[in-house]
């Protein structure tokens, strides 16, 4: 899609490192430059995000720990009972992606939520998935090793991949296998490695009373283990937790993990088949920085390969919908959650609602997974509904969509198409594509334009949607 995509480096970075450019983010990046912008985004705590924080107060369950959510259920304070927290979490993810100023953080939370997937909603994590999201947010831009160790003691993960039921008498291999195959080194292990890993991870469990994490030394299988050439005496039950976390740290620092993690980041931010040379360089950064993600992202975004990757990625349905909200300047309703819930429902229909992927491997991130005609039709319907204000009707639109997108009305229809496309996709359309839109309007490029003409009035939502339906907007 390179031929259809704006080559502007600022727009390229914003298409990849955020959920879509807006006039404000473009102005910010151009004003302070790439280095300062990355510095700012890699330090999200320093970004004033008060408006989004205020919006998130409408989802009071997303920040609660397990005890807090259980207490709400017990008190009957939740409309949908045990499912409320998970429903709020999914909607809040859409709201954050659309309106948070901490855009790179939100992108990376999505990356790790997929890489370390715990499906939501699912019954076994109704009380713990919100805390798992907080955990991912805490470590999303830190060390991958710290994130991985945190997930290894997270009740949501221990429940989702069955380690909570793993005992020294009957070690459960599910988490041990996925920890290596999906989360870290990949398919380089043996069955003997899986068995030893499963034994080493026994005792990491969930308290049956509180639902919180605890280490049960009585259920830890002792005895020396050798996994991927790494050996531990694992001599005492009391030392089992430390031994298990040492194993997880080893996995995080393993060269094969470095290769897989940085390649996944390159697939997310560059192309479906990223350059081997870049993957190799970033692998070294990852290892030298002890799995710190910030330096890897900085090196990635400032690499020549990144600059050359314009048009090499396709937006997923989640990105497409959120980018539409952002480019049209839509805002959440003054109160309530129905508008955002409507956006979430679109994503359910598109098969890409946040955290909803059922298998443990997380959503795919390649074009082939998201370019089927049925999926594109869902996007196209959403583009028109959002442009026209039909659904979700609760979202707040600019006072004048025309003035918001094209403040100074051009004199001709051709110039208007150019201005509208430049605002929506960052570039003018190829001549044959502009001609097609003019044909839709029954005009020529030289036809005079007035504010009362259909192009600027009744047909404007359709023009907007047609541009958003195109490959120009499909590119990440």
Protein backbone atom coordinates (compact mmCIF):
# COMPACT_ATOMS: atom_id res chain seq x y z
CA UNK A 1 0.00 0.00 0.00
CA UNK A 2 3.02 2.28 -0.22
CA UNK A 3 1.60 4.05 -3.26
CA UNK A 4 -1.48 5.11 -1.29
CA UNK A 5 0.17 6.12 1.98
CA UNK A 6 1.50 9.52 2.99
CA UNK A 7 5.29 9.51 3.11
CA UNK A 8 5.35 12.23 5.78
CA UNK A 9 7.68 10.90 8.54
CA UNK A 10 5.60 12.51 11.30
CA UNK A 11 2.40 10.89 10.10
CA UNK A 12 4.21 7.58 9.66
CA UNK A 13 5.38 7.59 13.27
CA UNK A 14 1.95 8.60 14.54
CA UNK A 15 0.22 5.89 12.51
CA UNK A 16 2.45 3.28 14.14
CA UNK A 17 3.15 4.54 17.66
CA UNK A 18 -0.36 5.84 18.36
CA UNK A 19 -3.91 4.85 17.47
CA UNK A 20 -3.99 7.42 14.70
CA UNK A 21 -2.89 11.00 14.04
CA UNK A 22 -4.97 13.94 15.18
CA UNK A 23 -4.29 17.62 14.50
CA UNK A 24 -3.10 17.96 18.10
CA UNK A 25 -0.64 15.05 17.95
CA UNK A 26 0.69 16.16 14.57
CA UNK A 27 1.28 19.68 15.91
CA UNK A 28 2.94 18.31 19.04
CA UNK A 29 5.32 16.04 17.13
CA UNK A 30 6.24 18.70 14.61
CA UNK A 31 6.73 21.21 17.40
CA UNK A 32 9.10 19.23 19.64
CA UNK A 33 10.62 16.71 17.24
CA UNK A 34 10.84 12.93 17.23
CA UNK A 35 13.39 12.57 20.04
CA UNK A 36 11.48 14.73 22.52
CA UNK A 37 8.17 13.17 21.50
CA UNK A 38 9.49 9.68 22.12
CA UNK A 39 10.98 10.82 25.45
CA UNK A 40 7.55 12.09 26.44
CA UNK A 41 5.65 9.01 25.36
CA UNK A 42 8.14 6.67 27.04
CA UNK A 43 7.50 8.49 30.32
CA UNK A 44 3.69 8.38 30.39
CA UNK A 45 3.38 9.24 34.07
CA UNK A 46 4.61 12.74 33.23
CA UNK A 47 1.88 13.30 30.62
CA UNK A 48 -1.19 15.17 31.84
CA UNK A 49 -4.06 12.85 30.98
CA UNK A 50 -6.71 14.38 33.21
CA UNK A 51 -9.51 14.29 30.64
CA UNK A 52 -9.07 10.57 30.00
CA UNK A 53 -8.66 9.90 33.71
CA UNK A 54 -11.97 11.64 34.33
CA UNK A 55 -13.62 9.52 31.65
CA UNK A 56 -12.28 6.34 33.25
CA UNK A 57 -14.07 7.14 36.51
CA UNK A 58 -17.18 5.89 34.69
CA UNK A 59 -15.60 2.43 34.89
CA UNK A 60 -15.07 2.19 38.66
CA UNK A 61 -14.27 -1.53 38.68
CA UNK A 62 -11.23 -1.50 36.39
CA UNK A 63 -8.81 -0.40 39.09
CA UNK A 64 -10.05 -2.70 41.85
CA UNK A 65 -8.10 -5.63 43.20
CA UNK A 66 -9.63 -9.08 43.59
CA UNK A 67 -10.98 -8.36 47.04
CA UNK A 68 -12.60 -5.14 45.87
CA UNK A 69 -14.39 -6.79 42.97
CA UNK A 70 -15.55 -9.69 45.13
CA UNK A 71 -16.91 -7.24 47.66
CA UNK A 72 -18.92 -5.44 44.96
CA UNK A 73 -20.42 -8.74 43.80
CA UNK A 74 -21.25 -9.77 47.36
CA UNK A 75 -22.93 -6.43 47.99
CA UNK A 76 -25.00 -6.77 44.82
CA UNK A 77 -23.55 -3.52 43.50
CA UNK A 78 -22.91 -4.77 39.99
CA UNK A 79 -25.65 -4.76 37.36
CA UNK A 80 -24.34 -7.83 35.57
CA UNK A 81 -22.81 -9.45 38.61
CA UNK A 82 -19.48 -11.18 38.14
CA UNK A 83 -19.19 -10.08 34.49
CA UNK A 84 -19.36 -6.36 35.14
CA UNK A 85 -15.66 -5.84 35.78
CA UNK A 86 -14.67 -7.64 32.59
CA UNK A 87 -17.22 -5.71 30.53
CA UNK A 88 -15.98 -2.43 31.95
CA UNK A 89 -12.38 -3.42 31.23
CA UNK A 90 -13.07 -4.05 27.55
CA UNK A 91 -14.91 -0.77 27.08
CA UNK A 92 -12.26 1.15 29.01
CA UNK A 93 -9.58 -0.21 26.67
CA UNK A 94 -11.45 1.33 23.73
CA UNK A 95 -11.85 4.64 25.57
CA UNK A 96 -8.17 4.78 26.48
CA UNK A 97 -7.07 4.03 22.94
CA UNK A 98 -9.33 6.76 21.56
CA UNK A 99 -8.75 9.55 24.03
CA UNK A 100 -5.67 8.97 26.19
CA UNK A 101 -2.71 11.25 25.53
CA UNK A 102 -0.45 8.39 26.65
CA UNK A 103 -0.75 6.79 23.26
CA UNK A 104 2.42 4.70 23.11
CA UNK A 105 1.59 3.23 26.51
CA UNK A 106 -1.84 2.21 25.24
CA UNK A 107 -0.33 0.62 22.15
CA UNK A 108 2.17 -1.34 24.24
CA UNK A 109 -0.52 -2.46 26.71
CA UNK A 110 -2.31 -3.95 23.72
CA UNK A 111 0.92 -5.60 22.52
CA UNK A 112 1.55 -7.28 25.87
CA UNK A 113 -2.11 -8.12 26.44
CA UNK A 114 -1.88 -10.16 23.25
CA UNK A 115 1.56 -11.61 23.88
CA UNK A 116 0.63 -12.65 27.43
CA UNK A 117 -3.01 -13.26 26.63
CA UNK A 118 -5.60 -13.94 29.30
CA UNK A 119 -8.94 -13.99 27.51
CA UNK A 120 -11.55 -11.53 28.78
CA UNK A 121 -14.34 -12.18 29.40
CA UNK A 122 -13.93 -15.72 30.72
CA UNK A 123 -15.43 -17.12 33.88
CA UNK A 124 -12.26 -18.18 35.66
CA UNK A 125 -10.80 -14.65 35.68
CA UNK A 126 -13.92 -12.62 36.45
CA UNK A 127 -12.40 -11.30 39.67
CA UNK A 128 -8.72 -11.10 38.61
CA UNK A 129 -8.58 -9.83 35.02
CA UNK A 130 -8.82 -6.16 36.04
CA UNK A 131 -5.81 -6.56 38.35
CA UNK A 132 -3.96 -8.31 35.51
CA UNK A 133 -4.55 -5.28 33.30
CA UNK A 134 -3.13 -3.00 36.00
CA UNK A 135 -0.08 -5.26 36.17
CA UNK A 136 0.49 -5.04 32.41
CA UNK A 137 0.12 -1.26 32.50
CA UNK A 138 2.64 -1.03 35.31
CA UNK A 139 5.34 -2.87 33.35
CA UNK A 140 4.42 -2.13 29.72
CA UNK A 141 7.35 0.20 29.12
CA UNK A 142 9.74 -1.34 31.66
CA UNK A 143 11.74 -4.56 31.65
CA UNK A 144 10.14 -7.53 29.95
CA UNK A 145 11.67 -9.70 32.68
CA UNK A 146 9.75 -7.80 35.36
CA UNK A 147 6.54 -8.04 33.35
CA UNK A 148 7.00 -11.77 32.83
CA UNK A 149 7.70 -12.43 36.51
CA UNK A 150 4.66 -10.38 37.50
CA UNK A 151 2.44 -12.45 35.20
CA UNK A 152 3.91 -15.66 36.63
CA UNK A 153 2.43 -14.75 40.01
CA UNK A 154 -0.78 -13.19 38.68
CA UNK A 155 -3.96 -15.05 39.69
CA UNK A 156 -5.46 -14.40 36.27
CA UNK A 157 -2.58 -16.13 34.47
CA UNK A 158 -2.33 -18.94 37.03
CA UNK A 159 -6.06 -19.57 36.60
CA UNK A 160 -6.19 -19.16 32.81
CA UNK A 161 -3.32 -21.60 32.17
CA UNK A 162 -4.15 -23.96 35.03
CA UNK A 163 -1.08 -23.55 37.24
CA UNK A 164 -3.35 -22.93 40.22
CA UNK A 165 -4.27 -26.64 40.11
CA UNK A 166 -0.70 -27.86 39.57
CA UNK A 167 0.61 -29.92 42.50
CA UNK A 168 3.75 -31.88 43.26
CA UNK A 169 1.76 -35.09 42.90
CA UNK A 170 0.26 -34.04 39.56
CA UNK A 171 2.18 -31.19 37.91
CA UNK A 172 0.08 -29.46 35.24
CA UNK A 173 2.16 -28.75 32.13
CA UNK A 174 -0.08 -26.14 30.52
CA UNK A 175 1.47 -22.95 31.91
CA UNK A 176 5.01 -24.34 31.71
CA UNK A 177 4.55 -25.13 28.03
CA UNK A 178 2.93 -21.82 27.07
CA UNK A 179 5.43 -19.86 29.15
CA UNK A 180 8.18 -21.20 26.92
CA UNK A 181 6.39 -21.66 23.61
CA UNK A 182 4.30 -18.48 23.50
CA UNK A 183 5.71 -16.06 26.05
CA UNK A 184 9.46 -16.57 25.68
CA UNK A 185 11.83 -18.88 23.76
CA UNK A 186 9.47 -20.54 21.29
CA UNK A 187 9.66 -24.11 20.03
CA UNK A 188 13.21 -24.82 21.13
CA UNK A 189 12.33 -26.85 24.23
CA UNK A 190 12.06 -30.59 24.72
CA UNK A 191 9.37 -32.57 26.51
CA UNK A 192 11.87 -33.11 29.31
CA UNK A 193 12.18 -29.32 29.61
CA UNK A 194 8.40 -29.02 29.92
CA UNK A 195 8.22 -31.66 32.63
CA UNK A 196 10.99 -30.06 34.68
CA UNK A 197 9.49 -26.60 34.19
CA UNK A 198 6.08 -27.83 35.31
CA UNK A 199 7.63 -29.33 38.45
CA UNK A 200 9.53 -26.14 39.18
CA UNK A 201 6.39 -24.01 38.84
CA UNK A 202 4.35 -26.09 41.30
CA UNK A 203 3.39 -24.11 44.37
CA UNK A 204 2.66 -20.91 42.43
CA UNK A 205 -1.05 -20.90 43.01
CA UNK A 206 -4.18 -18.98 43.97
CA UNK A 207 -5.55 -18.83 47.48
CA UNK A 208 -8.89 -20.59 47.53
CA UNK A 209 -10.31 -18.17 50.08
CA UNK A 210 -9.08 -14.77 48.95
CA UNK A 211 -8.47 -15.42 45.24
CA UNK A 212 -5.06 -13.77 45.59
CA UNK A 213 -1.67 -15.18 44.71
CA UNK A 214 0.20 -17.32 47.22
CA UNK A 215 3.11 -19.71 47.16
CA UNK A 216 2.22 -23.09 48.64
CA UNK A 217 5.48 -24.74 49.67
CA UNK A 218 3.60 -27.91 50.57
CA UNK A 219 2.71 -28.38 46.90
CA UNK A 220 6.12 -27.52 45.47
CA UNK A 221 7.98 -30.44 43.86
CA UNK A 222 11.63 -30.37 44.92
CA UNK A 223 14.61 -31.87 43.15
CA UNK A 224 17.15 -30.66 40.60
CA UNK A 225 15.86 -29.44 37.23
CA UNK A 226 17.57 -28.79 33.93
CA UNK A 227 15.64 -26.65 31.44
CA UNK A 228 17.14 -25.39 28.17
CA UNK A 229 20.57 -26.03 29.65
CA UNK A 230 19.81 -23.98 32.78
CA UNK A 231 20.16 -25.94 35.99
CA UNK A 232 18.79 -25.35 39.49
CA UNK A 233 19.14 -27.57 42.55
CA UNK A 234 15.58 -26.72 43.69
CA UNK A 235 16.61 -28.36 46.92
CA UNK A 236 13.96 -27.11 49.34
CA UNK A 237 10.23 -26.54 49.19
CA UNK A 238 10.64 -23.21 50.95
CA UNK A 239 13.00 -22.02 48.25
CA UNK A 240 10.66 -23.07 45.46
CA UNK A 241 9.21 -19.65 44.75
CA UNK A 242 12.63 -18.06 44.36
CA UNK A 243 13.72 -20.95 42.13
CA UNK A 244 10.64 -20.58 39.92
CA UNK A 245 11.13 -16.83 39.52
CA UNK A 246 14.82 -17.34 38.75
CA UNK A 247 13.70 -19.65 35.96
CA UNK A 248 11.31 -17.00 34.62
CA UNK A 249 14.08 -14.38 34.75
CA UNK A 250 16.35 -16.74 32.82
CA UNK A 251 13.69 -17.21 30.16
CA UNK A 252 13.22 -13.46 29.81
CA UNK A 253 16.95 -12.95 29.28
CA UNK A 254 17.39 -15.90 26.93
CA UNK A 255 18.69 -15.01 23.43
CA UNK A 256 15.79 -16.89 21.84
CA UNK A 257 13.35 -14.77 23.85
CA UNK A 258 15.15 -11.62 22.80
CA UNK A 259 14.80 -12.69 19.17
CA UNK A 260 11.08 -13.48 19.49
CA UNK A 261 10.14 -10.38 21.49
CA UNK A 262 11.92 -7.91 19.23
CA UNK A 263 10.60 -9.66 16.14
CA UNK A 264 7.07 -9.33 17.51
CA UNK A 265 7.68 -5.62 18.07
CA UNK A 266 9.00 -5.30 14.52
CA UNK A 267 5.91 -7.08 13.18
CA UNK A 268 3.77 -4.66 15.17
CA UNK A 269 5.59 -1.51 14.16
CA UNK A 270 7.27 -2.23 10.80
CA UNK A 271 5.96 -5.02 8.59
CA UNK A 272 4.54 -8.53 8.57
CA UNK A 273 7.99 -9.81 7.54
CA UNK A 274 10.48 -7.44 9.19
CA UNK A 275 14.10 -7.07 8.01
CA UNK A 276 16.40 -9.65 9.61
CA UNK A 277 19.17 -7.09 10.07
CA UNK A 278 16.96 -4.85 12.19
CA UNK A 279 15.71 -7.78 14.26
CA UNK A 280 19.33 -8.76 14.91
CA UNK A 281 20.32 -5.23 15.99
CA UNK A 282 17.33 -4.85 18.28
CA UNK A 283 18.01 -8.28 19.77
CA UNK A 284 21.38 -6.98 20.90
CA UNK A 285 19.79 -3.87 22.40
CA UNK A 286 17.32 -6.04 24.30
CA UNK A 287 20.06 -8.26 25.72
CA UNK A 288 22.42 -5.39 26.53
CA UNK A 289 19.63 -3.49 28.29
CA UNK A 290 18.54 -6.55 30.33
CA UNK A 291 15.17 -6.76 28.54
CA UNK A 292 14.30 -3.05 28.96
CA UNK A 293 11.68 -2.23 26.34
CA UNK A 294 12.13 1.55 26.13
CA UNK A 295 15.60 1.39 24.52
CA UNK A 296 14.36 -1.22 22.04
CA UNK A 297 11.43 0.97 21.00
CA UNK A 298 13.66 4.03 20.68
CA UNK A 299 16.10 2.14 18.47
CA UNK A 300 13.24 0.73 16.42
CA UNK A 301 11.46 4.02 15.77
CA UNK A 302 14.67 5.83 14.82
CA UNK A 303 15.98 3.10 12.53
CA UNK A 304 16.26 3.53 8.74
CA UNK A 305 14.18 0.38 8.35
CA UNK A 306 11.30 1.98 10.23
CA UNK A 307 11.44 5.03 7.99
CA UNK A 308 11.35 2.78 4.94
CA UNK A 309 8.32 0.79 6.15
CA UNK A 310 5.61 3.26 5.09
CA UNK A 311 2.57 1.40 3.83
CA UNK A 312 3.85 -2.01 4.94
CA UNK A 313 1.23 -2.65 7.65
CA UNK A 314 -2.55 -2.90 7.66
CA UNK A 315 -4.65 -1.56 10.52
CA UNK A 316 -6.52 -4.11 12.56
CA UNK A 317 -10.25 -3.55 13.13
CA UNK A 318 -9.51 -2.16 16.60
CA UNK A 319 -7.01 0.35 15.24
CA UNK A 320 -9.25 1.24 12.31
CA UNK A 321 -12.25 2.05 14.50
CA UNK A 322 -10.25 4.05 17.03
CA UNK A 323 -8.37 5.91 14.29
CA UNK A 324 -11.75 6.86 12.78
CA UNK A 325 -12.94 8.28 16.09
CA UNK A 326 -9.70 10.22 16.44
CA UNK A 327 -9.52 11.62 12.92
CA UNK A 328 -13.17 12.75 13.02
CA UNK A 329 -12.67 14.48 16.35
CA UNK A 330 -15.43 12.51 18.09
CA UNK A 331 -15.57 12.76 21.88
CA UNK A 332 -17.25 10.73 24.63
CA UNK A 333 -20.70 11.75 25.79
CA UNK A 334 -20.90 14.07 28.78
CA UNK A 335 -21.96 11.21 31.04
CA UNK A 336 -22.67 7.54 30.72
CA UNK A 337 -20.95 4.78 28.80
CA UNK A 338 -23.34 3.87 25.99
CA UNK A 339 -21.29 5.53 23.25
CA UNK A 340 -18.10 3.68 24.08
CA UNK A 341 -20.08 0.52 24.60
CA UNK A 342 -21.36 0.93 21.04
CA UNK A 343 -17.77 1.13 19.79
CA UNK A 344 -16.92 -2.00 21.73
CA UNK A 345 -19.90 -3.79 20.18
CA UNK A 346 -18.63 -2.90 16.71
CA UNK A 347 -15.38 -4.62 17.60
CA UNK A 348 -17.20 -7.70 18.82
CA UNK A 349 -18.86 -7.87 15.40
CA UNK A 350 -15.48 -7.41 13.72
CA UNK A 351 -13.93 -10.20 15.78
CA UNK A 352 -11.42 -7.87 17.41
CA UNK A 353 -12.76 -6.59 20.72
CA UNK A 354 -9.92 -5.95 23.20
CA UNK A 355 -8.71 -9.01 25.15
CA UNK A 356 -11.44 -11.21 23.67
CA UNK A 357 -9.27 -13.64 21.64
CA UNK A 358 -9.95 -17.12 22.99
CA UNK A 359 -6.70 -19.10 22.45
CA UNK A 360 -3.65 -18.23 24.57
CA UNK A 361 -1.60 -16.98 21.61
CA UNK A 362 -3.37 -13.60 21.31
CA UNK A 363 -4.78 -11.85 18.24
CA UNK A 364 -2.78 -12.17 14.99
CA UNK A 365 -1.06 -9.05 13.70
CA UNK A 366 -0.67 -9.71 9.98
CA UNK A 367 -2.69 -8.42 7.04
CA UNK A 368 -4.02 -11.83 6.01
CA UNK A 369 -5.93 -12.10 9.29
CA UNK A 370 -7.85 -8.85 8.85
CA UNK A 371 -8.54 -8.22 5.17
CA UNK A 372 -11.38 -10.66 4.47
CA UNK A 373 -14.36 -8.98 2.72
CA UNK A 374 -16.72 -9.64 5.62
CA UNK A 375 -14.39 -7.89 8.06
CA UNK A 376 -13.87 -4.94 5.75
CA UNK A 377 -17.64 -4.57 5.40
CA UNK A 378 -17.95 -4.14 9.18
CA UNK A 379 -15.34 -1.37 9.02
CA UNK A 380 -17.05 0.39 6.11
CA UNK A 381 -20.38 0.39 7.91
CA UNK A 382 -18.70 1.84 10.98
CA UNK A 383 -17.02 4.59 8.93
CA UNK A 384 -20.35 5.81 7.57
CA UNK A 385 -22.20 5.48 10.85
CA UNK A 386 -19.54 7.47 12.68
CA UNK A 387 -19.19 10.09 9.94
CA UNK A 388 -22.95 10.62 9.81
CA UNK A 389 -23.47 10.45 13.57
CA UNK A 390 -25.95 7.59 13.27
CA UNK A 391 -24.30 5.13 15.65
CA UNK A 392 -23.19 5.32 18.37
CA UNK A 393 -25.26 8.48 18.42
CA UNK A 394 -24.20 9.31 22.00
CA UNK A 395 -20.68 10.32 20.93
CA UNK A 396 -20.17 14.08 20.75
CA UNK A 397 -19.44 15.40 17.27
CA UNK A 398 -17.72 18.67 16.32
CA UNK A 399 -20.18 21.54 16.09
CA UNK A 400 -19.54 21.50 12.34
CA UNK A 401 -17.92 18.41 10.84
CA UNK A 402 -17.24 20.42 7.67
CA UNK A 403 -15.45 23.23 9.50
CA UNK A 404 -13.59 20.73 11.67
CA UNK A 405 -12.19 18.84 8.70
CA UNK A 406 -11.89 21.63 6.10
CA UNK A 407 -11.89 24.99 7.92
CA UNK A 408 -11.48 27.07 4.77
CA UNK A 409 -13.93 26.00 2.07
CA UNK A 410 -12.13 25.73 -1.30
CA UNK A 411 -13.58 27.31 -4.42
CA UNK A 412 -13.90 24.10 -6.43
CA UNK A 413 -14.98 20.52 -5.90
CA UNK A 414 -11.59 19.22 -6.94
CA UNK A 415 -9.79 21.34 -4.36
CA UNK A 416 -12.33 20.28 -1.76
CA UNK A 417 -11.66 16.58 -2.39
CA UNK A 418 -7.94 17.27 -2.09
CA UNK A 419 -8.36 19.17 1.19
CA UNK A 420 -10.66 16.55 2.70
CA UNK A 421 -8.32 13.71 1.78
CA UNK A 422 -5.29 15.55 3.10
CA UNK A 423 -7.06 16.03 6.43
CA UNK A 424 -8.31 12.43 6.71
CA UNK A 425 -5.36 10.45 5.32
CA UNK A 426 -2.52 12.94 5.14
CA UNK A 427 -2.19 12.99 1.37
CA UNK A 428 -4.11 13.86 -1.76
CA UNK A 429 -5.65 11.01 -3.70
CA UNK A 430 -4.37 9.66 -6.97
CA UNK A 431 -6.10 11.34 -9.95
CA UNK A 432 -8.28 8.38 -10.82
CA UNK A 433 -9.48 8.10 -7.22
CA UNK A 434 -10.33 11.79 -7.01
CA UNK A 435 -12.15 11.42 -10.30
CA UNK A 436 -14.21 8.56 -8.87
CA UNK A 437 -15.32 10.71 -5.92
CA UNK A 438 -16.14 13.58 -8.26
CA UNK A 439 -18.17 11.16 -10.35
CA UNK A 440 -20.08 10.14 -7.23
CA UNK A 441 -20.95 13.81 -6.78
CA UNK A 442 -21.72 14.37 -10.45
CA UNK A 443 -19.12 17.13 -10.62
CA UNK A 444 -15.81 17.90 -12.28
CA UNK A 445 -12.68 19.11 -10.54
CA UNK A 446 -13.38 22.64 -11.80
CA UNK A 447 -17.01 22.71 -10.66
CA UNK A 448 -17.55 25.67 -8.29
CA UNK A 449 -18.29 24.77 -4.67
CA UNK A 450 -20.67 26.45 -2.26
CA UNK A 451 -21.30 25.53 1.38
CA UNK A 452 -24.80 24.45 0.44
CA UNK A 453 -23.65 22.00 -2.26
CA UNK A 454 -24.18 18.31 -1.46
CA UNK A 455 -20.43 17.68 -1.21
CA UNK A 456 -20.19 20.05 1.75
CA UNK A 457 -23.60 19.18 3.20
CA UNK A 458 -25.80 16.12 2.77
CA UNK A 459 -23.24 13.98 0.98
CA UNK A 460 -20.30 14.93 3.19
CA UNK A 461 -20.63 11.84 5.47
CA UNK A 462 -20.56 9.62 2.39
CA UNK A 463 -17.46 11.35 1.03
CA UNK A 464 -15.75 10.96 4.39
CA UNK A 465 -16.68 7.28 4.56
CA UNK A 466 -15.50 6.56 1.02
CA UNK A 467 -12.08 8.01 1.81
CA UNK A 468 -11.90 6.07 5.08
CA UNK A 469 -12.94 2.90 3.24
CA UNK A 470 -9.93 3.22 0.93
CA UNK A 471 -6.41 1.75 1.15
CA UNK A 472 -5.21 5.27 2.04
CA UNK A 473 -6.77 4.87 5.50
CA UNK A 474 -6.28 1.10 5.80
CA UNK A 475 -2.54 1.52 6.22
CA UNK A 476 -1.15 1.49 9.75
